[in-house]
Amino acid sequence: MAAVGVHHPQEDAEFDFVLAHVGGAVLAYFWGVWAAACKDLEPVVKDVARAYAGRVAVVRTDIVRCPEATKRYEVLGAPTFVLLRDGEAVATTTEATDGAGVRAFLDAHLPPVGDRPDRPGPER
């Protein structure tokens, strides 16, 4: 499954399927249709998905349609961003309210570009 664009699971089983088939880090963006802040973040999330393609997959997760995922990652409100590795939460924020905030959150928790742990380093 490609890590470009934003995945939109419609239920918990689909959310789990996406996590199982996306390699590397996943930014789960928990949102609610009723939340004005979430509507404002839609273009930001799309931009972040494009800018970080290959480094992180973005999954927009409706907290009503995916209640088990919401509970599993202890999401209490929307919008909430959870950075996942191998299905485990490594960082969570409700403070990212704009593009700069989302990028700062990712930059603080993702390896720098070119510093990929899945690539072997030079032999000594």
PDB file of N, CA and C in Angstrom:
ATOM      1  N   MET A   1       0.847  -1.173   0.000  1.00  0.00           N
ATOM      2  CA  MET A   1       0.000   0.000   0.000  1.00  0.00           C
ATOM      3  C   MET A   1       0.891   1.234   0.000  1.00  0.00           C
ATOM      4  N   ALA A   2       0.623   2.172  -0.864  1.00  0.00           N
ATOM      5  CA  ALA A   2       1.431   3.380  -0.980  1.00  0.00           C
ATOM      6  C   ALA A   2       1.235   4.285   0.221  1.00  0.00           C
ATOM      7  N   ALA A   3       2.276   5.017   0.564  1.00  0.00           N
ATOM      8  CA  ALA A   3       2.219   5.920   1.697  1.00  0.00           C
ATOM      9  C   ALA A   3       1.999   7.359   1.247  1.00  0.00           C
ATOM     10  N   VAL A   4       1.466   7.534   0.048  1.00  0.00           N
ATOM     11  CA  VAL A   4       1.230   8.871  -0.473  1.00  0.00           C
ATOM     12  C   VAL A   4      -0.255   9.188  -0.323  1.00  0.00           C
ATOM     13  N   GLY A   5      -0.574  10.406   0.082  1.00  0.00           N
ATOM     14  CA  GLY A   5      -1.965  10.793   0.265  1.00  0.00           C
ATOM     15  C   GLY A   5      -2.433  10.468   1.674  1.00  0.00           C
ATOM     16  N   VAL A   6      -3.729  10.653   1.880  1.00  0.00           N
ATOM     17  CA  VAL A   6      -4.329  10.430   3.190  1.00  0.00           C
ATOM     18  C   VAL A   6      -5.299   9.256   3.080  1.00  0.00           C
ATOM     19  N   HIS A   7      -5.097   8.254   3.909  1.00  0.00           N
ATOM     20  CA  HIS A   7      -6.018   7.115   3.968  1.00  0.00           C
ATOM     21  C   HIS A   7      -7.208   7.517   4.834  1.00  0.00           C
ATOM     22  N   HIS A   8      -8.407   7.043   4.475  1.00  0.00           N
ATOM     23  CA  HIS A   8      -9.639   7.393   5.181  1.00  0.00           C
ATOM     24  C   HIS A   8     -10.404   6.126   5.573  1.00  0.00           C
ATOM     25  N   PRO A   9      -9.961   5.397   6.589  1.00  0.00           N
ATOM     26  CA  PRO A   9     -10.689   4.181   6.965  1.00  0.00           C
ATOM     27  C   PRO A   9     -12.097   4.528   7.460  1.00  0.00           C
ATOM     28  N   GLN A  10     -13.051   3.672   7.124  1.00  0.00           N
ATOM     29  CA  GLN A  10     -14.447   3.908   7.490  1.00  0.00           C
ATOM     30  C   GLN A  10     -14.881   3.111   8.715  1.00  0.00           C
ATOM     31  N   GLU A  11     -13.999   2.226   9.204  1.00  0.00           N
ATOM     32  CA  GLU A  11     -14.311   1.418  10.388  1.00  0.00           C
ATOM     33  C   GLU A  11     -13.008   0.898  10.980  1.00  0.00           C
ATOM     34  N   ASP A  12     -13.110   0.358  12.191  1.00  0.00           N
ATOM     35  CA  ASP A  12     -11.917  -0.128  12.880  1.00  0.00           C
ATOM     36  C   ASP A  12     -11.162  -1.194  12.096  1.00  0.00           C
ATOM     37  N   ALA A  13     -11.879  -2.124  11.475  1.00  0.00           N
ATOM     38  CA  ALA A  13     -11.207  -3.188  10.715  1.00  0.00           C
ATOM     39  C   ALA A  13     -10.380  -2.608   9.575  1.00  0.00           C
ATOM     40  N   GLU A  14     -10.906  -1.590   8.925  1.00  0.00           N
ATOM     41  CA  GLU A  14     -10.161  -0.951   7.836  1.00  0.00           C
ATOM     42  C   GLU A  14      -8.955  -0.182   8.381  1.00  0.00           C
ATOM     43  N   PHE A  15      -9.120   0.469   9.532  1.00  0.00           N
ATOM     44  CA  PHE A  15      -8.004   1.160  10.179  1.00  0.00           C
ATOM     45  C   PHE A  15      -6.881   0.162  10.462  1.00  0.00           C
ATOM     46  N   ASP A  16      -7.229  -0.979  11.048  1.00  0.00           N
ATOM     47  CA  ASP A  16      -6.227  -2.010  11.356  1.00  0.00           C
ATOM     48  C   ASP A  16      -5.586  -2.563  10.089  1.00  0.00           C
ATOM     49  N   PHE A  17      -6.368  -2.716   9.018  1.00  0.00           N
ATOM     50  CA  PHE A  17      -5.847  -3.192   7.743  1.00  0.00           C
ATOM     51  C   PHE A  17      -4.796  -2.224   7.200  1.00  0.00           C
ATOM     52  N   VAL A  18      -5.107  -0.935   7.242  1.00  0.00           N
ATOM     53  CA  VAL A  18      -4.162   0.073   6.760  1.00  0.00           C
ATOM     54  C   VAL A  18      -2.876   0.008   7.575  1.00  0.00           C
ATOM     55  N   LEU A  19      -2.998  -0.050   8.905  1.00  0.00           N
ATOM     56  CA  LEU A  19      -1.798  -0.125   9.749  1.00  0.00           C
ATOM     57  C   LEU A  19      -0.959  -1.350   9.416  1.00  0.00           C
ATOM     58  N   ALA A  20      -1.613  -2.471   9.145  1.00  0.00           N
ATOM     59  CA  ALA A  20      -0.893  -3.712   8.852  1.00  0.00           C
ATOM     60  C   ALA A  20      -0.172  -3.678   7.514  1.00  0.00           C
ATOM     61  N   HIS A  21      -0.635  -2.820   6.604  1.00  0.00           N
ATOM     62  CA  HIS A  21      -0.079  -2.828   5.253  1.00  0.00           C
ATOM     63  C   HIS A  21       0.755  -1.602   4.895  1.00  0.00           C
ATOM     64  N   VAL A  22       0.871  -0.691   5.798  1.00  0.00           N
ATOM     65  CA  VAL A  22       1.699   0.489   5.565  1.00  0.00           C
ATOM     66  C   VAL A  22       2.994   0.285   6.336  1.00  0.00           C
ATOM     67  N   GLY A  23       4.109   0.301   5.640  1.00  0.00           N
ATOM     68  CA  GLY A  23       5.389   0.135   6.308  1.00  0.00           C
ATOM     69  C   GLY A  23       5.858   1.446   6.916  1.00  0.00           C
ATOM     70  N   GLY A  24       6.535   1.354   8.029  1.00  0.00           N
ATOM     71  CA  GLY A  24       7.113   2.548   8.642  1.00  0.00           C
ATOM     72  C   GLY A  24       6.148   3.276   9.562  1.00  0.00           C
ATOM     73  N   ALA A  25       6.427   4.538   9.742  1.00  0.00           N
ATOM     74  CA  ALA A  25       5.649   5.362  10.670  1.00  0.00           C
ATOM     75  C   ALA A  25       4.292   5.731  10.071  1.00  0.00           C
ATOM     76  N   VAL A  26       3.306   5.890  10.963  1.00  0.00           N
ATOM     77  CA  VAL A  26       1.964   6.282  10.577  1.00  0.00           C
ATOM     78  C   VAL A  26       1.538   7.446  11.464  1.00  0.00           C
ATOM     79  N   LEU A  27       1.017   8.502  10.833  1.00  0.00           N
ATOM     80  CA  LEU A  27       0.429   9.602  11.573  1.00  0.00           C
ATOM     81  C   LEU A  27      -1.076   9.392  11.542  1.00  0.00           C
ATOM     82  N   ALA A  28      -1.635   8.987  12.674  1.00  0.00           N
ATOM     83  CA  ALA A  28      -3.083   8.820  12.781  1.00  0.00           C
ATOM     84  C   ALA A  28      -3.660  10.155  13.246  1.00  0.00           C
ATOM     85  N   TYR A  29      -4.477  10.733  12.393  1.00  0.00           N
ATOM     86  CA  TYR A  29      -5.122  12.013  12.683  1.00  0.00           C
ATOM     87  C   TYR A  29      -6.556  11.701  13.076  1.00  0.00           C
ATOM     88  N   PHE A  30      -6.857  11.774  14.364  1.00  0.00           N
ATOM     89  CA  PHE A  30      -8.191  11.499  14.868  1.00  0.00           C
ATOM     90  C   PHE A  30      -9.004  12.788  14.798  1.00  0.00           C
ATOM     91  N   TRP A  31     -10.132  12.712  14.099  1.00  0.00           N
ATOM     92  CA  TRP A  31     -10.928  13.902  13.839  1.00  0.00           C
ATOM     93  C   TRP A  31     -12.409  13.612  14.050  1.00  0.00           C
ATOM     94  N   GLY A  32     -13.174  14.687  14.135  1.00  0.00           N
ATOM     95  CA  GLY A  32     -14.627  14.590  14.253  1.00  0.00           C
ATOM     96  C   GLY A  32     -15.267  15.540  13.272  1.00  0.00           C
ATOM     97  N   VAL A  33     -16.300  15.076  12.612  1.00  0.00           N
ATOM     98  CA  VAL A  33     -16.970  15.871  11.585  1.00  0.00           C
ATOM     99  C   VAL A  33     -17.575  17.151  12.174  1.00  0.00           C
ATOM    100  N   TRP A  34     -17.915  17.136  13.433  1.00  0.00           N
ATOM    101  CA  TRP A  34     -18.547  18.276  14.094  1.00  0.00           C
ATOM    102  C   TRP A  34     -17.548  19.352  14.531  1.00  0.00           C
ATOM    103  N   ALA A  35     -16.267  19.033  14.558  1.00  0.00           N
ATOM    104  CA  ALA A  35     -15.252  19.936  15.107  1.00  0.00           C
ATOM    105  C   ALA A  35     -14.737  20.902  14.043  1.00  0.00           C
ATOM    106  N   ALA A  36     -14.961  22.179  14.262  1.00  0.00           N
ATOM    107  CA  ALA A  36     -14.510  23.202  13.311  1.00  0.00           C
ATOM    108  C   ALA A  36     -12.993  23.158  13.124  1.00  0.00           C
ATOM    109  N   ALA A  37     -12.261  22.900  14.206  1.00  0.00           N
ATOM    110  CA  ALA A  37     -10.792  22.835  14.102  1.00  0.00           C
ATOM    111  C   ALA A  37     -10.366  21.715  13.161  1.00  0.00           C
ATOM    112  N   CYS A  38     -11.108  20.621  13.149  1.00  0.00           N
ATOM    113  CA  CYS A  38     -10.780  19.502  12.251  1.00  0.00           C
ATOM    114  C   CYS A  38     -11.018  19.893  10.800  1.00  0.00           C
ATOM    115  N   LYS A  39     -12.080  20.607  10.541  1.00  0.00           N
ATOM    116  CA  LYS A  39     -12.356  21.066   9.179  1.00  0.00           C
ATOM    117  C   LYS A  39     -11.250  22.002   8.707  1.00  0.00           C
ATOM    118  N   ASP A  40     -10.782  22.852   9.601  1.00  0.00           N
ATOM    119  CA  ASP A  40      -9.697  23.776   9.255  1.00  0.00           C
ATOM    120  C   ASP A  40      -8.391  23.035   8.968  1.00  0.00           C
ATOM    121  N   LEU A  41      -8.194  21.874   9.595  1.00  0.00           N
ATOM    122  CA  LEU A  41      -6.957  21.114   9.428  1.00  0.00           C
ATOM    123  C   LEU A  41      -6.943  20.242   8.177  1.00  0.00           C
ATOM    124  N   GLU A  42      -8.060  20.056   7.503  1.00  0.00           N
ATOM    125  CA  GLU A  42      -8.103  19.172   6.331  1.00  0.00           C
ATOM    126  C   GLU A  42      -7.042  19.507   5.284  1.00  0.00           C
ATOM    127  N   PRO A  43      -6.939  20.756   4.827  1.00  0.00           N
ATOM    128  CA  PRO A  43      -5.895  21.041   3.828  1.00  0.00           C
ATOM    129  C   PRO A  43      -4.483  20.885   4.396  1.00  0.00           C
ATOM    130  N   VAL A  44      -4.314  21.156   5.673  1.00  0.00           N
ATOM    131  CA  VAL A  44      -3.014  21.002   6.323  1.00  0.00           C
ATOM    132  C   VAL A  44      -2.596  19.542   6.299  1.00  0.00           C
ATOM    133  N   VAL A  45      -3.519  18.656   6.637  1.00  0.00           N
ATOM    134  CA  VAL A  45      -3.213  17.221   6.681  1.00  0.00           C
ATOM    135  C   VAL A  45      -2.844  16.713   5.292  1.00  0.00           C
ATOM    136  N   LYS A  46      -3.549  17.162   4.280  1.00  0.00           N
ATOM    137  CA  LYS A  46      -3.222  16.764   2.901  1.00  0.00           C
ATOM    138  C   LYS A  46      -1.827  17.256   2.508  1.00  0.00           C
ATOM    139  N   ASP A  47      -1.512  18.495   2.865  1.00  0.00           N
ATOM    140  CA  ASP A  47      -0.184  19.042   2.560  1.00  0.00           C
ATOM    141  C   ASP A  47       0.917  18.266   3.281  1.00  0.00           C
ATOM    142  N   VAL A  48       0.687  17.944   4.538  1.00  0.00           N
ATOM    143  CA  VAL A  48       1.663  17.188   5.320  1.00  0.00           C
ATOM    144  C   VAL A  48       1.866  15.804   4.708  1.00  0.00           C
ATOM    145  N   ALA A  49       0.781  15.162   4.271  1.00  0.00           N
ATOM    146  CA  ALA A  49       0.896  13.840   3.642  1.00  0.00           C
ATOM    147  C   ALA A  49       1.784  13.904   2.409  1.00  0.00           C
ATOM    148  N   ARG A  50       1.635  14.962   1.617  1.00  0.00           N
ATOM    149  CA  ARG A  50       2.481  15.122   0.422  1.00  0.00           C
ATOM    150  C   ARG A  50       3.927  15.435   0.815  1.00  0.00           C
ATOM    151  N   ALA A  51       4.101  16.351   1.754  1.00  0.00           N
ATOM    152  CA  ALA A  51       5.446  16.787   2.133  1.00  0.00           C
ATOM    153  C   ALA A  51       6.253  15.672   2.811  1.00  0.00           C
ATOM    154  N   TYR A  52       5.584  14.774   3.531  1.00  0.00           N
ATOM    155  CA  TYR A  52       6.270  13.726   4.278  1.00  0.00           C
ATOM    156  C   TYR A  52       6.103  12.351   3.629  1.00  0.00           C
ATOM    157  N   ALA A  53       5.659  12.327   2.377  1.00  0.00           N
ATOM    158  CA  ALA A  53       5.495  11.057   1.651  1.00  0.00           C
ATOM    159  C   ALA A  53       6.807  10.283   1.672  1.00  0.00           C
ATOM    160  N   GLY A  54       6.716   9.017   1.965  1.00  0.00           N
ATOM    161  CA  GLY A  54       7.908   8.187   2.064  1.00  0.00           C
ATOM    162  C   GLY A  54       8.490   8.144   3.462  1.00  0.00           C
ATOM    163  N   ARG A  55       8.113   9.097   4.298  1.00  0.00           N
ATOM    164  CA  ARG A  55       8.594   9.122   5.683  1.00  0.00           C
ATOM    165  C   ARG A  55       7.510   8.709   6.664  1.00  0.00           C
ATOM    166  N   VAL A  56       6.261   9.041   6.334  1.00  0.00           N
ATOM    167  CA  VAL A  56       5.143   8.726   7.220  1.00  0.00           C
ATOM    168  C   VAL A  56       3.877   8.609   6.373  1.00  0.00           C
ATOM    169  N   ALA A  57       3.049   7.639   6.691  1.00  0.00           N
ATOM    170  CA  ALA A  57       1.737   7.509   6.057  1.00  0.00           C
ATOM    171  C   ALA A  57       0.728   8.223   6.945  1.00  0.00           C
ATOM    172  N   VAL A  58      -0.234   8.884   6.345  1.00  0.00           N
ATOM    173  CA  VAL A  58      -1.234   9.633   7.108  1.00  0.00           C
ATOM    174  C   VAL A  58      -2.579   8.920   7.003  1.00  0.00           C
ATOM    175  N   VAL A  59      -3.197   8.717   8.166  1.00  0.00           N
ATOM    176  CA  VAL A  59      -4.489   8.045   8.242  1.00  0.00           C
ATOM    177  C   VAL A  59      -5.451   8.951   9.000  1.00  0.00           C
ATOM    178  N   ARG A  60      -6.455   9.485   8.286  1.00  0.00           N
ATOM    179  CA  ARG A  60      -7.475  10.322   8.934  1.00  0.00           C
ATOM    180  C   ARG A  60      -8.520   9.391   9.526  1.00  0.00           C
ATOM    181  N   THR A  61      -8.646   9.429  10.837  1.00  0.00           N
ATOM    182  CA  THR A  61      -9.453   8.462  11.563  1.00  0.00           C
ATOM    183  C   THR A  61     -10.625   9.152  12.254  1.00  0.00           C
ATOM    184  N   ASP A  62     -11.826   8.845  11.816  1.00  0.00           N
ATOM    185  CA  ASP A  62     -13.048   9.399  12.402  1.00  0.00           C
ATOM    186  C   ASP A  62     -13.269   8.735  13.760  1.00  0.00           C
ATOM    187  N   ILE A  63     -13.331   9.522  14.830  1.00  0.00           N
ATOM    188  CA  ILE A  63     -13.432   8.938  16.167  1.00  0.00           C
ATOM    189  C   ILE A  63     -14.771   8.253  16.418  1.00  0.00           C
ATOM    190  N   VAL A  64     -15.800   8.569  15.624  1.00  0.00           N
ATOM    191  CA  VAL A  64     -17.091   7.896  15.756  1.00  0.00           C
ATOM    192  C   VAL A  64     -17.080   6.573  14.991  1.00  0.00           C
ATOM    193  N   ARG A  65     -16.542   6.580  13.789  1.00  0.00           N
ATOM    194  CA  ARG A  65     -16.518   5.363  12.957  1.00  0.00           C
ATOM    195  C   ARG A  65     -15.473   4.352  13.416  1.00  0.00           C
ATOM    196  N   CYS A  66     -14.448   4.811  14.121  1.00  0.00           N
ATOM    197  CA  CYS A  66     -13.364   3.922  14.568  1.00  0.00           C
ATOM    198  C   CYS A  66     -13.218   4.006  16.099  1.00  0.00           C
ATOM    199  N   PRO A  67     -14.256   3.581  16.818  1.00  0.00           N
ATOM    200  CA  PRO A  67     -14.216   3.738  18.282  1.00  0.00           C
ATOM    201  C   PRO A  67     -13.152   2.889  18.972  1.00  0.00           C
ATOM    202  N   GLU A  68     -12.845   1.710  18.432  1.00  0.00           N
ATOM    203  CA  GLU A  68     -11.824   0.854  19.061  1.00  0.00           C
ATOM    204  C   GLU A  68     -10.432   1.466  18.916  1.00  0.00           C
ATOM    205  N   ALA A  69     -10.130   1.997  17.749  1.00  0.00           N
ATOM    206  CA  ALA A  69      -8.834   2.663  17.551  1.00  0.00           C
ATOM    207  C   ALA A  69      -8.745   3.895  18.452  1.00  0.00           C
ATOM    208  N   THR A  70      -9.835   4.628  18.549  1.00  0.00           N
ATOM    209  CA  THR A  70      -9.880   5.815  19.405  1.00  0.00           C
ATOM    210  C   THR A  70      -9.588   5.438  20.853  1.00  0.00           C
ATOM    211  N   LYS A  71     -10.212   4.366  21.309  1.00  0.00           N
ATOM    212  CA  LYS A  71     -10.014   3.894  22.684  1.00  0.00           C
ATOM    213  C   LYS A  71      -8.597   3.348  22.878  1.00  0.00           C
ATOM    214  N   ARG A  72      -8.126   2.557  21.911  1.00  0.00           N
ATOM    215  CA  ARG A  72      -6.803   1.930  21.995  1.00  0.00           C
ATOM    216  C   ARG A  72      -5.702   2.966  22.192  1.00  0.00           C
ATOM    217  N   TYR A  73      -5.807   4.097  21.496  1.00  0.00           N
ATOM    218  CA  TYR A  73      -4.765   5.121  21.570  1.00  0.00           C
ATOM    219  C   TYR A  73      -5.129   6.244  22.542  1.00  0.00           C
ATOM    220  N   GLU A  74      -6.146   5.997  23.364  1.00  0.00           N
ATOM    221  CA  GLU A  74      -6.543   6.898  24.448  1.00  0.00           C
ATOM    222  C   GLU A  74      -6.823   8.312  23.958  1.00  0.00           C
ATOM    223  N   VAL A  75      -7.492   8.393  22.814  1.00  0.00           N
ATOM    224  CA  VAL A  75      -7.865   9.685  22.250  1.00  0.00           C
ATOM    225  C   VAL A  75      -9.121  10.176  22.971  1.00  0.00           C
ATOM    226  N   LEU A  76      -9.049  11.392  23.507  1.00  0.00           N
ATOM    227  CA  LEU A  76     -10.158  11.942  24.280  1.00  0.00           C
ATOM    228  C   LEU A  76     -10.919  13.030  23.542  1.00  0.00           C
ATOM    229  N   GLY A  77     -10.373  13.520  22.442  1.00  0.00           N
ATOM    230  CA  GLY A  77     -11.046  14.580  21.699  1.00  0.00           C
ATOM    231  C   GLY A  77     -10.428  14.759  20.336  1.00  0.00           C
ATOM    232  N   ALA A  78     -11.081  15.613  19.582  1.00  0.00           N
ATOM    233  CA  ALA A  78     -10.618  15.870  18.211  1.00  0.00           C
ATOM    234  C   ALA A  78     -10.353  17.358  18.054  1.00  0.00           C
ATOM    235  N   PRO A  79      -9.280  17.694  17.365  1.00  0.00           N
ATOM    236  CA  PRO A  79      -8.298  16.854  16.684  1.00  0.00           C
ATOM    237  C   PRO A  79      -7.186  16.368  17.617  1.00  0.00           C
ATOM    238  N   THR A  80      -6.750  15.149  17.361  1.00  0.00           N
ATOM    239  CA  THR A  80      -5.613  14.549  18.056  1.00  0.00           C
ATOM    240  C   THR A  80      -4.746  13.858  17.016  1.00  0.00           C
ATOM    241  N   PHE A  81      -3.436  14.044  17.119  1.00  0.00           N
ATOM    242  CA  PHE A  81      -2.480  13.377  16.239  1.00  0.00           C
ATOM    243  C   PHE A  81      -1.707  12.351  17.065  1.00  0.00           C
ATOM    244  N   VAL A  82      -1.629  11.119  16.550  1.00  0.00           N
ATOM    245  CA  VAL A  82      -0.875  10.056  17.211  1.00  0.00           C
ATOM    246  C   VAL A  82       0.118   9.505  16.196  1.00  0.00           C
ATOM    247  N   LEU A  83       1.391   9.536  16.543  1.00  0.00           N
ATOM    248  CA  LEU A  83       2.420   8.957  15.685  1.00  0.00           C
ATOM    249  C   LEU A  83       2.616   7.513  16.119  1.00  0.00           C
ATOM    250  N   LEU A  84       2.498   6.595  15.146  1.00  0.00           N
ATOM    251  CA  LEU A  84       2.577   5.162  15.419  1.00  0.00           C
ATOM    252  C   LEU A  84       3.773   4.548  14.716  1.00  0.00           C
ATOM    253  N   ARG A  85       4.376   3.567  15.377  1.00  0.00           N
ATOM    254  CA  ARG A  85       5.387   2.711  14.762  1.00  0.00           C
ATOM    255  C   ARG A  85       5.031   1.289  15.141  1.00  0.00           C
ATOM    256  N   ASP A  86       4.869   0.439  14.146  1.00  0.00           N
ATOM    257  CA  ASP A  86       4.483  -0.959  14.374  1.00  0.00           C
ATOM    258  C   ASP A  86       3.203  -1.045  15.215  1.00  0.00           C
ATOM    259  N   GLY A  87       2.276  -0.123  14.982  1.00  0.00           N
ATOM    260  CA  GLY A  87       0.999  -0.131  15.673  1.00  0.00           C
ATOM    261  C   GLY A  87       1.018   0.433  17.078  1.00  0.00           C
ATOM    262  N   GLU A  88       2.191   0.812  17.562  1.00  0.00           N
ATOM    263  CA  GLU A  88       2.332   1.354  18.919  1.00  0.00           C
ATOM    264  C   GLU A  88       2.472   2.869  18.871  1.00  0.00           C
ATOM    265  N   ALA A  89       1.781   3.545  19.764  1.00  0.00           N
ATOM    266  CA  ALA A  89       1.887   5.002  19.845  1.00  0.00           C
ATOM    267  C   ALA A  89       3.250   5.387  20.398  1.00  0.00           C
ATOM    268  N   VAL A  90       3.948   6.282  19.700  1.00  0.00           N
ATOM    269  CA  VAL A  90       5.236   6.774  20.183  1.00  0.00           C
ATOM    270  C   VAL A  90       5.156   8.241  20.597  1.00  0.00           C
ATOM    271  N   ALA A  91       4.110   8.940  20.129  1.00  0.00           N
ATOM    272  CA  ALA A  91       3.916  10.335  20.506  1.00  0.00           C
ATOM    273  C   ALA A  91       2.479  10.733  20.183  1.00  0.00           C
ATOM    274  N   THR A  92       1.938  11.623  20.997  1.00  0.00           N
ATOM    275  CA  THR A  92       0.576  12.110  20.813  1.00  0.00           C
ATOM    276  C   THR A  92       0.552  13.610  21.076  1.00  0.00           C
ATOM    277  N   THR A  93      -0.275  14.330  20.299  1.00  0.00           N
ATOM    278  CA  THR A  93      -0.457  15.752  20.558  1.00  0.00           C
ATOM    279  C   THR A  93      -1.867  16.188  20.201  1.00  0.00           C
ATOM    280  N   THR A  94      -2.353  17.120  20.990  1.00  0.00           N
ATOM    281  CA  THR A  94      -3.583  17.845  20.666  1.00  0.00           C
ATOM    282  C   THR A  94      -3.246  19.309  20.422  1.00  0.00           C
ATOM    283  N   GLU A  95      -1.967  19.622  20.496  1.00  0.00           N
ATOM    284  CA  GLU A  95      -1.495  21.000  20.374  1.00  0.00           C
ATOM    285  C   GLU A  95      -1.245  21.444  18.939  1.00  0.00           C
ATOM    286  N   ALA A  96      -1.151  20.507  18.006  1.00  0.00           N
ATOM    287  CA  ALA A  96      -0.868  20.857  16.611  1.00  0.00           C
ATOM    288  C   ALA A  96      -2.162  21.370  15.972  1.00  0.00           C
ATOM    289  N   THR A  97      -2.248  22.672  15.815  1.00  0.00           N
ATOM    290  CA  THR A  97      -3.482  23.275  15.301  1.00  0.00           C
ATOM    291  C   THR A  97      -3.297  23.940  13.947  1.00  0.00           C
ATOM    292  N   ASP A  98      -2.081  23.829  13.393  1.00  0.00           N
ATOM    293  CA  ASP A  98      -1.819  24.395  12.063  1.00  0.00           C
ATOM    294  C   ASP A  98      -0.679  23.604  11.424  1.00  0.00           C
ATOM    295  N   GLY A  99      -0.342  23.967  10.195  1.00  0.00           N
ATOM    296  CA  GLY A  99       0.697  23.247   9.474  1.00  0.00           C
ATOM    297  C   GLY A  99       2.030  23.250  10.197  1.00  0.00           C
ATOM    298  N   ALA A 100       2.405  24.388  10.743  1.00  0.00           N
ATOM    299  CA  ALA A 100       3.683  24.478  11.452  1.00  0.00           C
ATOM    300  C   ALA A 100       3.691  23.559  12.668  1.00  0.00           C
ATOM    301  N   GLY A 101       2.575  23.474  13.364  1.00  0.00           N
ATOM    302  CA  GLY A 101       2.482  22.622  14.542  1.00  0.00           C
ATOM    303  C   GLY A 101       2.576  21.145  14.197  1.00  0.00           C
ATOM    304  N   VAL A 102       1.898  20.730  13.133  1.00  0.00           N
ATOM    305  CA  VAL A 102       1.948  19.326  12.711  1.00  0.00           C
ATOM    306  C   VAL A 102       3.355  18.977  12.245  1.00  0.00           C
ATOM    307  N   ARG A 103       3.973  19.862  11.472  1.00  0.00           N
ATOM    308  CA  ARG A 103       5.339  19.614  10.996  1.00  0.00           C
ATOM    309  C   ARG A 103       6.332  19.561  12.160  1.00  0.00           C
ATOM    310  N   ALA A 104       6.184  20.449  13.124  1.00  0.00           N
ATOM    311  CA  ALA A 104       7.079  20.444  14.288  1.00  0.00           C
ATOM    312  C   ALA A 104       6.919  19.145  15.079  1.00  0.00           C
ATOM    313  N   PHE A 105       5.689  18.681  15.225  1.00  0.00           N
ATOM    314  CA  PHE A 105       5.422  17.413  15.908  1.00  0.00           C
ATOM    315  C   PHE A 105       6.125  16.261  15.186  1.00  0.00           C
ATOM    316  N   LEU A 106       5.967  16.187  13.871  1.00  0.00           N
ATOM    317  CA  LEU A 106       6.604  15.119  13.101  1.00  0.00           C
ATOM    318  C   LEU A 106       8.122  15.232  13.133  1.00  0.00           C
ATOM    319  N   ASP A 107       8.636  16.432  12.945  1.00  0.00           N
ATOM    320  CA  ASP A 107      10.085  16.622  12.932  1.00  0.00           C
ATOM    321  C   ASP A 107      10.720  16.241  14.274  1.00  0.00           C
ATOM    322  N   ALA A 108       9.986  16.429  15.360  1.00  0.00           N
ATOM    323  CA  ALA A 108      10.504  16.091  16.686  1.00  0.00           C
ATOM    324  C   ALA A 108      10.559  14.581  16.922  1.00  0.00           C
ATOM    325  N   HIS A 109       9.761  13.818  16.152  1.00  0.00           N
ATOM    326  CA  HIS A 109       9.641  12.388  16.441  1.00  0.00           C
ATOM    327  C   HIS A 109      10.029  11.460  15.300  1.00  0.00           C
ATOM    328  N   LEU A 110      10.328  12.006  14.132  1.00  0.00           N
ATOM    329  CA  LEU A 110      10.773  11.189  12.998  1.00  0.00           C
ATOM    330  C   LEU A 110      12.279  11.346  12.837  1.00  0.00           C
ATOM    331  N   PRO A 111      12.952  10.307  12.344  1.00  0.00           N
ATOM    332  CA  PRO A 111      14.378  10.463  12.066  1.00  0.00           C
ATOM    333  C   PRO A 111      14.573  11.514  10.974  1.00  0.00           C
ATOM    334  N   PRO A 112      15.670  12.247  10.995  1.00  0.00           N
ATOM    335  CA  PRO A 112      15.939  13.239   9.946  1.00  0.00           C
ATOM    336  C   PRO A 112      16.006  12.573   8.573  1.00  0.00           C
ATOM    337  N   VAL A 113      15.712  13.332   7.551  1.00  0.00           N
ATOM    338  CA  VAL A 113      15.805  12.823   6.180  1.00  0.00           C
ATOM    339  C   VAL A 113      17.231  12.342   5.954  1.00  0.00           C
ATOM    340  N   GLY A 114      17.357  11.178   5.344  1.00  0.00           N
ATOM    341  CA  GLY A 114      18.678  10.611   5.080  1.00  0.00           C
ATOM    342  C   GLY A 114      19.201   9.767   6.220  1.00  0.00           C
ATOM    343  N   ASP A 115      18.547   9.798   7.380  1.00  0.00           N
ATOM    344  CA  ASP A 115      18.962   9.020   8.540  1.00  0.00           C
ATOM    345  C   ASP A 115      17.915   7.947   8.792  1.00  0.00           C
ATOM    346  N   ARG A 116      17.856   6.990   7.869  1.00  0.00           N
ATOM    347  CA  ARG A 116      16.841   5.940   7.953  1.00  0.00           C
ATOM    348  C   ARG A 116      17.420   4.715   8.623  1.00  0.00           C
ATOM    349  N   PRO A 117      16.796   4.278   9.725  1.00  0.00           N
ATOM    350  CA  PRO A 117      17.333   3.125  10.448  1.00  0.00           C
ATOM    351  C   PRO A 117      17.210   1.810   9.677  1.00  0.00           C
ATOM    352  N   ASP A 118      16.385   1.765   8.635  1.00  0.00           N
ATOM    353  CA  ASP A 118      16.243   0.515   7.884  1.00  0.00           C
ATOM    354  C   ASP A 118      17.342   0.335   6.849  1.00  0.00           C
ATOM    355  N   ARG A 119      18.181   1.347   6.664  1.00  0.00           N
ATOM    356  CA  ARG A 119      19.313   1.245   5.735  1.00  0.00           C
ATOM    357  C   ARG A 119      20.583   0.937   6.511  1.00  0.00           C
ATOM    358  N   PRO A 120      21.352  -0.003   6.044  1.00  0.00           N
ATOM    359  CA  PRO A 120      22.626  -0.260   6.724  1.00  0.00           C
ATOM    360  C   PRO A 120      23.571   0.907   6.538  1.00  0.00           C
ATOM    361  N   GLY A 121      24.346   1.170   7.554  1.00  0.00           N
ATOM    362  CA  GLY A 121      25.327   2.241   7.464  1.00  0.00           C
ATOM    363  C   GLY A 121      26.580   1.767   6.756  1.00  0.00           C
ATOM    364  N   PRO A 122      27.544   2.650   6.566  1.00  0.00           N
ATOM    365  CA  PRO A 122      28.795   2.255   5.905  1.00  0.00           C
ATOM    366  C   PRO A 122      29.573   1.283   6.784  1.00  0.00           C
ATOM    367  N   GLU A 123      30.220   0.355   6.148  1.00  0.00           N
ATOM    368  CA  GLU A 123      31.008  -0.618   6.902  1.00  0.00           C
ATOM    369  C   GLU A 123      32.298   0.023   7.359  1.00  0.00           C
ATOM    370  N   ARG A 124      32.761  -0.392   8.499  1.00  0.00           N
ATOM    371  CA  ARG A 124      34.002   0.176   9.053  1.00  0.00           C
ATOM    372  C   ARG A 124      35.077  -0.840   9.060  1.00  0.00           C
TER     373      ARG A 124
END
